[in-house]
Each structure stands twice: as C-alpha cells, then as structure tokens.
Amino acid sequence: NFLKKKKKLDFRKIWTLKILREFGIRKKICPYFFSRDIVLKSDVIIGTLKKFFFSDFFFSKNQKNVSLSYLIFEDIYDLESIQLIFSSINLNPIILKDSQ
C-alpha cells in the first residue's frame, strides 16, 4: 500500500481528480488505488450519494476498514430517492395476480 510506504504526503489540501492524476503519473502509481487508500484514511469525504453508495468501493471488503468521521454529500436533495431504492420493493402485477 502506497500510503504505508510513503508517510510524507501533504493531506492539508483538497485532492481533486486532476491532482490525483498528476500525482499518479509523477510517482508511477495508479491514481484509482491511491485515491481508494486516501478514502480509507480520510476524516472527511465530500461527494455525491449515488457515487458513494453505488460504487464498487462501498460494497467491497474494504468498507469495514473505512475510518470516516464525516461524510458530506453535495446532493442531499436526492436523499429520498436513494432511500427508496434501498427500502422499496417493486412487485410485478403478474406476480400479484398469481399469488391470489
């Protein structure tokens, strides 16, 4: 893991996609895996609900290792639709008819 090997990283700034890409090219590491390591160690994550909850990262085995203090969502207006996706069931009318 890159973060364990290199302790001298400056986390006093916001890591944008552009910064991650440039860093990955300069250090010859994969920006995806580097950013995933950053997320695992972050105190604050700002992002969208759908990208966080429907990403491979959230459902991966690493989810138990995430040591987050805060999740800040920039699209909280969409919270109701996300909740409906997780808690609703759509039954086909044919299934309902057959069950009677």
C-alpha atoms as a PDB file:
ATOM      1  CA  ASN A   1       0.000   0.000   0.000  1.00  0.00           C
ATOM      2  CA  PHE A   2       1.474   3.297  -1.130  1.00  0.00           C
ATOM      3  CA  LEU A   3       0.342   5.319   1.887  1.00  0.00           C
ATOM      4  CA  LYS A   4       2.096   2.966   4.279  1.00  0.00           C
ATOM      5  CA  LYS A   5       5.328   3.189   2.310  1.00  0.00           C
ATOM      6  CA  LYS A   6       5.295   6.978   1.889  1.00  0.00           C
ATOM      7  CA  LYS A   7       4.451   8.781   5.114  1.00  0.00           C
ATOM      8  CA  LYS A   8       5.426  12.209   3.778  1.00  0.00           C
ATOM      9  CA  LEU A   9       2.229  13.115   1.933  1.00  0.00           C
ATOM     10  CA  ASP A  10       0.594  16.520   2.262  1.00  0.00           C
ATOM     11  CA  PHE A  11      -3.027  15.990   3.253  1.00  0.00           C
ATOM     12  CA  ARG A  12      -3.610  19.647   4.088  1.00  0.00           C
ATOM     13  CA  LYS A  13      -5.107  20.231   0.668  1.00  0.00           C
ATOM     14  CA  ILE A  14      -8.073  19.025  -1.323  1.00  0.00           C
ATOM     15  CA  TRP A  15      -7.180  16.151  -3.641  1.00  0.00           C
ATOM     16  CA  THR A  16      -9.038  16.775  -6.898  1.00  0.00           C
ATOM     17  CA  LEU A  17      -9.101  14.348  -9.814  1.00  0.00           C
ATOM     18  CA  LYS A  18      -6.532  16.475 -11.618  1.00  0.00           C
ATOM     19  CA  ILE A  19      -4.162  16.451  -8.629  1.00  0.00           C
ATOM     20  CA  LEU A  20      -4.598  12.675  -8.177  1.00  0.00           C
ATOM     21  CA  ARG A  21      -3.894  12.039 -11.858  1.00  0.00           C
ATOM     22  CA  GLU A  22      -0.783  14.229 -11.903  1.00  0.00           C
ATOM     23  CA  PHE A  23       0.471  12.672  -8.672  1.00  0.00           C
ATOM     24  CA  GLY A  24      -0.091   9.171 -10.035  1.00  0.00           C
ATOM     25  CA  ILE A  25       1.810   9.947 -13.231  1.00  0.00           C
ATOM     26  CA  ARG A  26       4.677  11.558 -11.322  1.00  0.00           C
ATOM     27  CA  LYS A  27       5.012   8.729  -8.765  1.00  0.00           C
ATOM     28  CA  LYS A  28       4.135   5.941 -11.230  1.00  0.00           C
ATOM     29  CA  ILE A  29       1.225   4.620  -9.174  1.00  0.00           C
ATOM     30  CA  CYS A  30      -2.397   4.008 -10.096  1.00  0.00           C
ATOM     31  CA  PRO A  31      -4.498   7.063  -9.143  1.00  0.00           C
ATOM     32  CA  TYR A  32      -7.536   4.835  -8.513  1.00  0.00           C
ATOM     33  CA  PHE A  33      -5.852   2.684  -5.878  1.00  0.00           C
ATOM     34  CA  PHE A  34      -4.092   5.702  -4.388  1.00  0.00           C
ATOM     35  CA  SER A  35      -7.387   7.587  -4.037  1.00  0.00           C
ATOM     36  CA  ARG A  36      -9.007   4.497  -2.516  1.00  0.00           C
ATOM     37  CA  ASP A  37      -6.245   4.398   0.095  1.00  0.00           C
ATOM     38  CA  ILE A  38      -6.845   8.081   0.813  1.00  0.00           C
ATOM     39  CA  VAL A  39     -10.579   7.468   1.304  1.00  0.00           C
ATOM     40  CA  LEU A  40      -9.863   4.675   3.778  1.00  0.00           C
ATOM     41  CA  LYS A  41      -7.818   7.064   5.924  1.00  0.00           C
ATOM     42  CA  SER A  42      -9.849  10.266   5.449  1.00  0.00           C
ATOM     43  CA  ASP A  43     -11.573  12.210   8.190  1.00  0.00           C
ATOM     44  CA  VAL A  44     -13.942  13.952   5.763  1.00  0.00           C
ATOM     45  CA  ILE A  45     -15.262  12.866   2.374  1.00  0.00           C
ATOM     46  CA  ILE A  46     -17.291  15.166   0.146  1.00  0.00           C
ATOM     47  CA  GLY A  47     -19.142  13.553  -2.713  1.00  0.00           C
ATOM     48  CA  THR A  48     -22.460  12.515  -4.162  1.00  0.00           C
ATOM     49  CA  LEU A  49     -24.774   9.973  -2.586  1.00  0.00           C
ATOM     50  CA  LYS A  50     -25.029   7.798  -5.678  1.00  0.00           C
ATOM     51  CA  LYS A  51     -21.305   7.695  -6.343  1.00  0.00           C
ATOM     52  CA  PHE A  52     -20.606   6.661  -2.770  1.00  0.00           C
ATOM     53  CA  PHE A  53     -23.380   4.154  -2.108  1.00  0.00           C
ATOM     54  CA  PHE A  54     -23.471   2.590  -5.568  1.00  0.00           C
ATOM     55  CA  SER A  55     -19.733   2.367  -6.069  1.00  0.00           C
ATOM     56  CA  ASP A  56     -17.718  -0.831  -6.003  1.00  0.00           C
ATOM     57  CA  PHE A  57     -15.731   0.682  -3.160  1.00  0.00           C
ATOM     58  CA  PHE A  58     -18.682   0.866  -0.777  1.00  0.00           C
ATOM     59  CA  PHE A  59     -19.635  -2.752  -1.330  1.00  0.00           C
ATOM     60  CA  SER A  60     -16.086  -4.056  -1.302  1.00  0.00           C
ATOM     61  CA  LYS A  61     -14.418  -5.854   1.551  1.00  0.00           C
ATOM     62  CA  ASN A  62     -12.737  -2.555   2.445  1.00  0.00           C
ATOM     63  CA  GLN A  63     -15.934  -0.988   3.743  1.00  0.00           C
ATOM     64  CA  LYS A  64     -15.265  -2.277   7.261  1.00  0.00           C
ATOM     65  CA  ASN A  65     -11.845  -0.583   7.187  1.00  0.00           C
ATOM     66  CA  VAL A  66     -13.203   2.878   6.409  1.00  0.00           C
ATOM     67  CA  SER A  67     -12.467   5.123   9.374  1.00  0.00           C
ATOM     68  CA  LEU A  68     -14.611   8.107   8.439  1.00  0.00           C
ATOM     69  CA  SER A  69     -15.541  10.852  10.808  1.00  0.00           C
ATOM     70  CA  TYR A  70     -17.844  12.681   8.387  1.00  0.00           C
ATOM     71  CA  LEU A  71     -19.496  12.107   5.041  1.00  0.00           C
ATOM     72  CA  ILE A  72     -20.623  15.309   3.345  1.00  0.00           C
ATOM     73  CA  PHE A  73     -22.979  14.892   0.411  1.00  0.00           C
ATOM     74  CA  GLU A  74     -23.344  17.648  -2.140  1.00  0.00           C
ATOM     75  CA  ASP A  75     -26.675  16.345  -3.448  1.00  0.00           C
ATOM     76  CA  ILE A  76     -28.668  15.794  -0.267  1.00  0.00           C
ATOM     77  CA  TYR A  77     -31.845  16.830  -2.102  1.00  0.00           C
ATOM     78  CA  ASP A  78     -31.705  13.355  -3.676  1.00  0.00           C
ATOM     79  CA  LEU A  79     -31.693  11.550  -0.315  1.00  0.00           C
ATOM     80  CA  GLU A  80     -35.331  10.486  -0.566  1.00  0.00           C
ATOM     81  CA  SER A  81     -34.840   8.716  -3.899  1.00  0.00           C
ATOM     82  CA  ILE A  82     -31.750   6.931  -2.561  1.00  0.00           C
ATOM     83  CA  GLN A  83     -33.717   5.789   0.486  1.00  0.00           C
ATOM     84  CA  LEU A  84     -36.497   4.488  -1.755  1.00  0.00           C
ATOM     85  CA  ILE A  85     -34.030   2.464  -3.797  1.00  0.00           C
ATOM     86  CA  PHE A  86     -32.676   0.785  -0.671  1.00  0.00           C
ATOM     87  CA  SER A  87     -36.007   0.127   1.006  1.00  0.00           C
ATOM     88  CA  SER A  88     -38.655  -0.363  -1.667  1.00  0.00           C
ATOM     89  CA  ILE A  89     -39.861  -3.447  -3.444  1.00  0.00           C
ATOM     90  CA  ASN A  90     -41.463  -3.433  -6.870  1.00  0.00           C
ATOM     91  CA  LEU A  91     -43.841  -6.308  -7.481  1.00  0.00           C
ATOM     92  CA  ASN A  92     -44.882  -7.231 -10.961  1.00  0.00           C
ATOM     93  CA  PRO A  93     -48.711  -7.245 -11.378  1.00  0.00           C
ATOM     94  CA  ILE A  94     -48.499 -10.785 -12.807  1.00  0.00           C
ATOM     95  CA  ILE A  95     -46.825 -11.985  -9.606  1.00  0.00           C
ATOM     96  CA  LEU A  96     -49.529 -10.323  -7.524  1.00  0.00           C
ATOM     97  CA  LYS A  97     -52.283 -11.920  -9.611  1.00  0.00           C
ATOM     98  CA  ASP A  98     -50.679 -15.373  -9.341  1.00  0.00           C
ATOM     99  CA  SER A  99     -50.380 -15.071  -5.578  1.00  0.00           C
ATOM    100  CA  GLN A 100     -54.126 -14.652  -5.050  1.00  0.00           C
END
